[in-house]
């Protein structure tokens, strides 16, 4: 597994099975996944993701996962995604959206979202622009309160 020094991303990691990159756009973390997602990638990714949220200084933030190139996560990785989701909520992640087209990945993410108390029917999209608009709208509403 290697950490990539790609200048377009704040974080990039890949192994023989898949990869993840993410960057921060204002108060939204946008992650791009591809391949098969396993615990090796998610362990490092989850830690880096939560550490990155410190820059929001406790303010609400959003998350978008562009997983159109993901086939599935291993069963162990699915459990780890639930743990990461709970840590995201504890770190004040106000809204999240998931872009995916694989039926297996959608089913897995729906289970993960249900286990952390989120409604997967509202936040899973087939294209990125709708996911971005969804997150931006909800973040603006959170700041209006």
N, C-alpha and C. Protein backbone atom coordinates (compact mmCIF):
# COMPACT_ATOMS: atom_id res chain seq x y z
N UNK A 1 0.85 -1.17 0.00
CA UNK A 1 0.00 0.00 0.00
C UNK A 1 0.89 1.24 0.00
N UNK A 2 0.53 2.22 -0.79
CA UNK A 2 1.35 3.41 -0.84
C UNK A 2 0.50 4.67 -0.80
N UNK A 3 1.03 5.65 -0.10
CA UNK A 3 0.43 6.97 -0.08
C UNK A 3 0.97 7.69 -1.30
N UNK A 4 0.07 8.21 -2.11
CA UNK A 4 0.43 8.89 -3.35
C UNK A 4 0.59 10.38 -3.08
N UNK A 5 1.51 11.01 -3.72
CA UNK A 5 1.75 12.45 -3.55
C UNK A 5 1.07 13.25 -4.67
N UNK A 6 -0.11 12.82 -5.10
CA UNK A 6 -0.84 13.50 -6.15
C UNK A 6 -1.23 14.90 -5.69
N UNK A 7 -0.85 15.92 -6.45
CA UNK A 7 -1.07 17.31 -6.05
C UNK A 7 -2.53 17.74 -6.10
N UNK A 8 -3.37 16.99 -6.79
CA UNK A 8 -4.78 17.36 -6.90
C UNK A 8 -5.58 17.00 -5.66
N UNK A 9 -5.02 16.21 -4.80
CA UNK A 9 -5.74 15.71 -3.63
C UNK A 9 -5.02 16.07 -2.34
N UNK A 10 -5.81 16.19 -1.27
CA UNK A 10 -5.22 16.36 0.04
C UNK A 10 -4.71 15.03 0.58
N UNK A 11 -5.29 13.94 0.08
CA UNK A 11 -4.91 12.60 0.53
C UNK A 11 -5.15 11.62 -0.61
N UNK A 12 -4.24 10.69 -0.82
CA UNK A 12 -4.37 9.69 -1.85
C UNK A 12 -3.70 8.40 -1.38
N UNK A 13 -4.38 7.29 -1.56
CA UNK A 13 -3.87 6.00 -1.09
C UNK A 13 -4.34 4.90 -2.02
N UNK A 14 -3.46 3.96 -2.33
CA UNK A 14 -3.88 2.82 -3.16
C UNK A 14 -3.17 1.56 -2.72
N UNK A 15 -3.82 0.44 -3.01
CA UNK A 15 -3.19 -0.86 -2.84
C UNK A 15 -3.50 -1.69 -4.08
N UNK A 16 -3.26 -3.00 -4.02
CA UNK A 16 -3.46 -3.85 -5.19
C UNK A 16 -4.92 -3.99 -5.60
N UNK A 17 -5.85 -3.63 -4.72
CA UNK A 17 -7.27 -3.89 -4.97
C UNK A 17 -8.09 -2.65 -5.28
N UNK A 18 -7.66 -1.50 -4.77
CA UNK A 18 -8.43 -0.29 -4.98
C UNK A 18 -7.67 0.94 -4.53
N UNK A 19 -8.34 2.08 -4.64
CA UNK A 19 -7.71 3.30 -4.16
C UNK A 19 -8.76 4.30 -3.70
N UNK A 20 -8.28 5.29 -2.94
CA UNK A 20 -9.12 6.38 -2.46
C UNK A 20 -8.30 7.66 -2.51
N UNK A 21 -8.96 8.73 -2.90
CA UNK A 21 -8.38 10.08 -2.88
C UNK A 21 -9.42 10.99 -2.25
N UNK A 22 -8.99 12.02 -1.56
CA UNK A 22 -9.96 13.02 -1.17
C UNK A 22 -9.34 14.40 -1.12
N UNK A 23 -10.22 15.38 -1.23
CA UNK A 23 -9.81 16.78 -1.12
C UNK A 23 -10.91 17.54 -0.40
N UNK A 24 -10.56 18.70 0.09
CA UNK A 24 -11.50 19.55 0.83
C UNK A 24 -11.86 20.73 -0.05
N UNK A 25 -13.15 20.98 -0.18
CA UNK A 25 -13.68 22.11 -0.93
C UNK A 25 -14.57 22.90 0.03
N UNK A 26 -14.05 24.02 0.54
CA UNK A 26 -14.72 24.80 1.58
C UNK A 26 -14.95 23.90 2.80
N UNK A 27 -16.21 23.61 3.12
CA UNK A 27 -16.49 22.76 4.28
C UNK A 27 -17.08 21.41 3.85
N UNK A 28 -16.61 20.93 2.70
CA UNK A 28 -17.05 19.63 2.18
C UNK A 28 -15.81 18.79 1.86
N UNK A 29 -15.80 17.57 2.35
CA UNK A 29 -14.76 16.61 1.98
C UNK A 29 -15.33 15.76 0.85
N UNK A 30 -14.58 15.70 -0.26
CA UNK A 30 -15.02 14.92 -1.42
C UNK A 30 -14.02 13.80 -1.63
N UNK A 31 -14.51 12.57 -1.49
CA UNK A 31 -13.66 11.39 -1.64
C UNK A 31 -14.01 10.68 -2.94
N UNK A 32 -13.00 10.11 -3.57
CA UNK A 32 -13.18 9.33 -4.79
C UNK A 32 -12.59 7.95 -4.55
N UNK A 33 -13.42 6.93 -4.66
CA UNK A 33 -13.01 5.55 -4.46
C UNK A 33 -13.06 4.80 -5.79
N UNK A 34 -12.21 3.78 -5.94
CA UNK A 34 -12.32 2.89 -7.08
C UNK A 34 -11.80 1.51 -6.69
N UNK A 35 -12.26 0.52 -7.45
CA UNK A 35 -11.85 -0.86 -7.21
C UNK A 35 -12.66 -1.51 -6.11
N UNK A 36 -12.02 -2.43 -5.42
CA UNK A 36 -12.62 -3.09 -4.27
C UNK A 36 -12.07 -2.44 -3.02
N UNK A 37 -12.94 -2.16 -2.09
CA UNK A 37 -12.54 -1.46 -0.87
C UNK A 37 -12.33 -2.48 0.24
N UNK A 38 -11.15 -2.43 0.84
CA UNK A 38 -10.84 -3.37 1.92
C UNK A 38 -10.45 -2.61 3.18
N UNK A 39 -10.21 -3.35 4.25
CA UNK A 39 -9.91 -2.72 5.54
C UNK A 39 -8.56 -2.04 5.55
N UNK A 40 -7.61 -2.50 4.74
CA UNK A 40 -6.30 -1.84 4.70
C UNK A 40 -6.46 -0.39 4.26
N UNK A 41 -7.20 -0.18 3.20
CA UNK A 41 -7.42 1.19 2.70
C UNK A 41 -8.26 1.98 3.70
N UNK A 42 -9.35 1.38 4.17
CA UNK A 42 -10.26 2.13 5.04
C UNK A 42 -9.66 2.51 6.39
N UNK A 43 -8.79 1.68 6.92
CA UNK A 43 -8.17 2.01 8.21
C UNK A 43 -7.37 3.30 8.12
N UNK A 44 -6.53 3.41 7.12
CA UNK A 44 -5.71 4.61 6.94
C UNK A 44 -6.59 5.78 6.54
N UNK A 45 -7.50 5.55 5.61
CA UNK A 45 -8.40 6.59 5.12
C UNK A 45 -9.25 7.17 6.25
N UNK A 46 -9.86 6.30 7.05
CA UNK A 46 -10.72 6.76 8.14
C UNK A 46 -9.99 7.66 9.12
N UNK A 47 -8.78 7.28 9.47
CA UNK A 47 -7.98 8.09 10.40
C UNK A 47 -7.65 9.45 9.79
N UNK A 48 -7.22 9.45 8.54
CA UNK A 48 -6.87 10.70 7.86
C UNK A 48 -8.11 11.59 7.68
N UNK A 49 -9.23 10.99 7.35
CA UNK A 49 -10.48 11.73 7.18
C UNK A 49 -10.86 12.45 8.46
N UNK A 50 -10.87 11.74 9.57
CA UNK A 50 -11.26 12.34 10.85
C UNK A 50 -10.24 13.41 11.26
N UNK A 51 -8.97 13.17 11.05
CA UNK A 51 -7.96 14.18 11.36
C UNK A 51 -8.16 15.45 10.52
N UNK A 52 -8.58 15.28 9.29
CA UNK A 52 -8.81 16.42 8.39
C UNK A 52 -9.95 17.30 8.88
N UNK A 53 -10.91 16.73 9.57
CA UNK A 53 -12.08 17.51 10.02
C UNK A 53 -11.72 18.54 11.08
N UNK A 54 -10.55 18.45 11.67
CA UNK A 54 -10.14 19.44 12.68
C UNK A 54 -10.11 20.85 12.09
N UNK A 55 -9.86 20.96 10.80
CA UNK A 55 -9.80 22.28 10.17
C UNK A 55 -11.16 22.98 10.14
N UNK A 56 -12.25 22.25 10.40
CA UNK A 56 -13.58 22.86 10.42
C UNK A 56 -13.91 23.49 11.77
N UNK A 57 -13.02 23.33 12.74
CA UNK A 57 -13.15 23.95 14.07
C UNK A 57 -14.51 23.70 14.72
N UNK A 58 -15.02 22.48 14.59
CA UNK A 58 -16.28 22.13 15.21
C UNK A 58 -17.51 22.56 14.44
N UNK A 59 -17.34 23.28 13.34
CA UNK A 59 -18.48 23.71 12.53
C UNK A 59 -19.01 22.54 11.70
N UNK A 60 -20.28 22.57 11.31
CA UNK A 60 -20.83 21.50 10.47
C UNK A 60 -20.08 21.41 9.14
N UNK A 61 -19.95 20.21 8.67
CA UNK A 61 -19.30 19.97 7.39
C UNK A 61 -20.05 18.88 6.65
N UNK A 62 -19.79 18.77 5.36
CA UNK A 62 -20.44 17.76 4.53
C UNK A 62 -19.44 16.81 3.92
N UNK A 63 -19.96 15.72 3.43
CA UNK A 63 -19.12 14.66 2.86
C UNK A 63 -19.79 14.12 1.60
N UNK A 64 -18.99 13.95 0.56
CA UNK A 64 -19.46 13.31 -0.68
C UNK A 64 -18.49 12.19 -1.01
N UNK A 65 -19.04 11.01 -1.23
CA UNK A 65 -18.25 9.86 -1.65
C UNK A 65 -18.60 9.55 -3.10
N UNK A 66 -17.65 9.77 -3.99
CA UNK A 66 -17.84 9.41 -5.39
C UNK A 66 -17.31 7.99 -5.56
N UNK A 67 -18.23 7.05 -5.54
CA UNK A 67 -17.87 5.62 -5.57
C UNK A 67 -18.40 4.95 -6.83
N UNK A 68 -18.49 5.70 -7.90
CA UNK A 68 -19.00 5.13 -9.16
C UNK A 68 -18.09 4.03 -9.70
N UNK A 69 -16.82 4.04 -9.33
CA UNK A 69 -15.88 3.03 -9.82
C UNK A 69 -15.63 1.92 -8.80
N UNK A 70 -16.52 1.83 -7.81
CA UNK A 70 -16.40 0.78 -6.79
C UNK A 70 -17.34 -0.36 -7.14
N UNK A 71 -16.81 -1.56 -7.07
CA UNK A 71 -17.65 -2.74 -7.28
C UNK A 71 -18.32 -3.15 -5.98
N UNK A 72 -17.53 -3.21 -4.90
CA UNK A 72 -18.04 -3.62 -3.61
C UNK A 72 -16.95 -3.42 -2.55
N UNK A 73 -17.38 -3.54 -1.32
CA UNK A 73 -16.46 -3.54 -0.19
C UNK A 73 -16.44 -4.96 0.38
N UNK A 74 -15.32 -5.35 0.96
CA UNK A 74 -15.30 -6.64 1.63
C UNK A 74 -16.25 -6.57 2.82
N UNK A 75 -16.73 -7.71 3.32
CA UNK A 75 -17.61 -7.69 4.50
C UNK A 75 -16.97 -7.00 5.71
N UNK A 76 -15.68 -7.21 5.89
CA UNK A 76 -14.97 -6.56 6.99
C UNK A 76 -14.91 -5.04 6.78
N UNK A 77 -14.73 -4.63 5.54
CA UNK A 77 -14.69 -3.20 5.22
C UNK A 77 -16.05 -2.56 5.45
N UNK A 78 -17.11 -3.29 5.17
CA UNK A 78 -18.45 -2.76 5.42
C UNK A 78 -18.63 -2.44 6.91
N UNK A 79 -18.15 -3.31 7.77
CA UNK A 79 -18.23 -3.05 9.21
C UNK A 79 -17.39 -1.84 9.60
N UNK A 80 -16.22 -1.71 8.98
CA UNK A 80 -15.36 -0.57 9.26
C UNK A 80 -15.99 0.74 8.76
N UNK A 81 -16.71 0.68 7.66
CA UNK A 81 -17.42 1.87 7.16
C UNK A 81 -18.44 2.36 8.18
N UNK A 82 -19.08 1.45 8.88
CA UNK A 82 -20.03 1.84 9.93
C UNK A 82 -19.31 2.58 11.04
N UNK A 83 -18.16 2.07 11.46
CA UNK A 83 -17.38 2.74 12.51
C UNK A 83 -16.94 4.13 12.06
N UNK A 84 -16.48 4.23 10.81
CA UNK A 84 -16.07 5.53 10.29
C UNK A 84 -17.26 6.49 10.23
N UNK A 85 -18.41 5.99 9.82
CA UNK A 85 -19.63 6.81 9.78
C UNK A 85 -19.98 7.38 11.14
N UNK A 86 -19.85 6.57 12.17
CA UNK A 86 -20.13 7.05 13.53
C UNK A 86 -19.12 8.11 13.96
N UNK A 87 -17.85 7.91 13.60
CA UNK A 87 -16.83 8.91 13.92
C UNK A 87 -17.09 10.21 13.17
N UNK A 88 -17.55 10.11 11.93
CA UNK A 88 -17.88 11.30 11.15
C UNK A 88 -18.99 12.10 11.84
N UNK A 89 -20.01 11.41 12.29
CA UNK A 89 -21.11 12.09 13.00
C UNK A 89 -20.59 12.76 14.27
N UNK A 90 -19.74 12.07 15.00
CA UNK A 90 -19.18 12.64 16.23
C UNK A 90 -18.31 13.85 15.94
N UNK A 91 -17.73 13.91 14.72
CA UNK A 91 -16.89 15.04 14.32
C UNK A 91 -17.71 16.14 13.64
N UNK A 92 -19.04 16.08 13.77
CA UNK A 92 -19.97 17.10 13.29
C UNK A 92 -20.20 17.08 11.78
N UNK A 93 -20.15 15.89 11.17
CA UNK A 93 -20.55 15.76 9.77
C UNK A 93 -22.07 15.93 9.74
N UNK A 94 -22.52 17.02 9.14
CA UNK A 94 -23.94 17.36 9.14
C UNK A 94 -24.72 16.62 8.06
N UNK A 95 -24.08 16.43 6.90
CA UNK A 95 -24.78 15.80 5.77
C UNK A 95 -23.77 15.05 4.91
N UNK A 96 -24.21 13.93 4.35
CA UNK A 96 -23.34 13.16 3.46
C UNK A 96 -24.14 12.66 2.27
N UNK A 97 -23.44 12.45 1.18
CA UNK A 97 -24.05 11.92 -0.04
C UNK A 97 -23.09 10.91 -0.67
N UNK A 98 -23.66 9.91 -1.31
CA UNK A 98 -22.88 8.82 -1.86
C UNK A 98 -23.28 8.61 -3.32
N UNK A 99 -22.29 8.63 -4.20
CA UNK A 99 -22.53 8.46 -5.62
C UNK A 99 -22.02 7.08 -6.00
N UNK A 100 -22.95 6.22 -6.42
CA UNK A 100 -22.57 4.86 -6.75
C UNK A 100 -23.55 4.26 -7.74
N UNK A 101 -23.06 3.32 -8.52
CA UNK A 101 -23.90 2.67 -9.52
C UNK A 101 -23.94 1.15 -9.36
N UNK A 102 -23.01 0.57 -8.64
CA UNK A 102 -22.98 -0.87 -8.42
C UNK A 102 -24.10 -1.27 -7.45
N UNK A 103 -24.93 -2.21 -7.86
CA UNK A 103 -26.02 -2.67 -7.00
C UNK A 103 -25.50 -3.22 -5.67
N UNK A 104 -24.37 -3.91 -5.72
CA UNK A 104 -23.80 -4.47 -4.49
C UNK A 104 -23.34 -3.34 -3.57
N UNK A 105 -22.64 -2.36 -4.12
CA UNK A 105 -22.15 -1.23 -3.32
C UNK A 105 -23.32 -0.43 -2.74
N UNK A 106 -24.38 -0.24 -3.52
CA UNK A 106 -25.57 0.49 -3.02
C UNK A 106 -26.19 -0.26 -1.86
N UNK A 107 -26.32 -1.56 -1.99
CA UNK A 107 -26.88 -2.37 -0.91
C UNK A 107 -26.02 -2.29 0.34
N UNK A 108 -24.71 -2.38 0.18
CA UNK A 108 -23.81 -2.29 1.32
C UNK A 108 -23.91 -0.92 1.99
N UNK A 109 -23.90 0.15 1.19
CA UNK A 109 -23.95 1.49 1.77
C UNK A 109 -25.30 1.74 2.45
N UNK A 110 -26.36 1.21 1.91
CA UNK A 110 -27.67 1.35 2.55
C UNK A 110 -27.65 0.73 3.95
N UNK A 111 -27.02 -0.44 4.08
CA UNK A 111 -26.90 -1.08 5.40
C UNK A 111 -26.06 -0.23 6.34
N UNK A 112 -24.94 0.30 5.83
CA UNK A 112 -24.07 1.15 6.65
C UNK A 112 -24.83 2.38 7.12
N UNK A 113 -25.52 3.04 6.21
CA UNK A 113 -26.25 4.26 6.57
C UNK A 113 -27.35 3.97 7.59
N UNK A 114 -28.08 2.88 7.40
CA UNK A 114 -29.12 2.51 8.36
C UNK A 114 -28.52 2.26 9.74
N UNK A 115 -27.33 1.66 9.79
CA UNK A 115 -26.72 1.35 11.08
C UNK A 115 -26.22 2.59 11.82
N UNK A 116 -26.02 3.71 11.10
CA UNK A 116 -25.62 4.95 11.77
C UNK A 116 -26.78 5.94 11.85
N UNK A 117 -27.99 5.47 11.54
CA UNK A 117 -29.19 6.29 11.70
C UNK A 117 -29.47 7.26 10.56
N UNK A 118 -28.93 7.00 9.38
CA UNK A 118 -29.19 7.85 8.22
C UNK A 118 -30.06 7.10 7.21
N UNK A 119 -30.85 7.84 6.47
CA UNK A 119 -31.76 7.27 5.49
C UNK A 119 -31.06 7.18 4.14
N UNK A 120 -30.69 5.97 3.76
CA UNK A 120 -29.98 5.77 2.50
C UNK A 120 -30.80 6.08 1.26
N UNK A 121 -32.12 6.10 1.38
CA UNK A 121 -32.94 6.38 0.19
C UNK A 121 -32.84 7.84 -0.23
N UNK A 122 -32.37 8.71 0.65
CA UNK A 122 -32.30 10.14 0.33
C UNK A 122 -30.91 10.61 -0.06
N UNK A 123 -29.88 9.84 0.25
CA UNK A 123 -28.53 10.36 0.04
C UNK A 123 -27.65 9.51 -0.87
N UNK A 124 -28.23 8.59 -1.62
CA UNK A 124 -27.48 7.83 -2.60
C UNK A 124 -27.89 8.32 -3.99
N UNK A 125 -26.88 8.71 -4.77
CA UNK A 125 -27.12 9.32 -6.08
C UNK A 125 -26.36 8.54 -7.15
N UNK A 126 -26.76 8.75 -8.41
CA UNK A 126 -26.07 8.09 -9.52
C UNK A 126 -25.08 9.02 -10.22
N UNK A 127 -25.11 10.32 -9.88
CA UNK A 127 -24.14 11.25 -10.46
C UNK A 127 -23.74 12.32 -9.46
N UNK A 128 -22.55 12.85 -9.64
CA UNK A 128 -21.90 13.72 -8.66
C UNK A 128 -22.61 15.06 -8.48
N UNK A 129 -23.05 15.68 -9.55
CA UNK A 129 -23.62 17.03 -9.44
C UNK A 129 -24.85 17.05 -8.52
N UNK A 130 -25.70 16.06 -8.62
CA UNK A 130 -26.88 15.99 -7.73
C UNK A 130 -26.46 15.82 -6.28
N UNK A 131 -25.44 15.02 -6.06
CA UNK A 131 -24.94 14.81 -4.70
C UNK A 131 -24.39 16.11 -4.14
N UNK A 132 -23.64 16.87 -4.95
CA UNK A 132 -23.09 18.15 -4.50
C UNK A 132 -24.20 19.13 -4.15
N UNK A 133 -25.20 19.22 -4.99
CA UNK A 133 -26.31 20.15 -4.73
C UNK A 133 -27.04 19.77 -3.44
N UNK A 134 -27.22 18.49 -3.22
CA UNK A 134 -27.87 17.98 -2.01
C UNK A 134 -27.08 18.40 -0.76
N UNK A 135 -25.77 18.19 -0.79
CA UNK A 135 -24.93 18.53 0.36
C UNK A 135 -24.88 20.04 0.58
N UNK A 136 -24.67 20.79 -0.48
CA UNK A 136 -24.61 22.25 -0.36
C UNK A 136 -25.91 22.81 0.20
N UNK A 137 -27.04 22.33 -0.29
CA UNK A 137 -28.36 22.81 0.19
C UNK A 137 -28.51 22.56 1.69
N UNK A 138 -28.18 21.34 2.12
CA UNK A 138 -28.34 21.01 3.53
C UNK A 138 -27.36 21.77 4.42
N UNK A 139 -26.15 22.00 3.93
CA UNK A 139 -25.19 22.77 4.73
C UNK A 139 -25.65 24.22 4.86
N UNK A 140 -26.17 24.79 3.79
CA UNK A 140 -26.68 26.17 3.87
C UNK A 140 -27.83 26.25 4.88
N UNK A 141 -28.70 25.26 4.85
CA UNK A 141 -29.82 25.23 5.81
C UNK A 141 -29.32 25.11 7.24
N UNK A 142 -28.22 24.39 7.46
CA UNK A 142 -27.69 24.23 8.83
C UNK A 142 -27.10 25.53 9.34
N UNK A 143 -26.58 26.35 8.44
CA UNK A 143 -25.98 27.60 8.84
C UNK A 143 -27.02 28.70 9.03
N UNK A 144 -28.22 28.49 8.49
CA UNK A 144 -29.29 29.48 8.63
C UNK A 144 -29.97 29.38 9.99
N UNK A 145 -29.77 28.25 10.67
CA UNK A 145 -30.43 28.04 11.97
C UNK A 145 -29.84 28.92 13.06
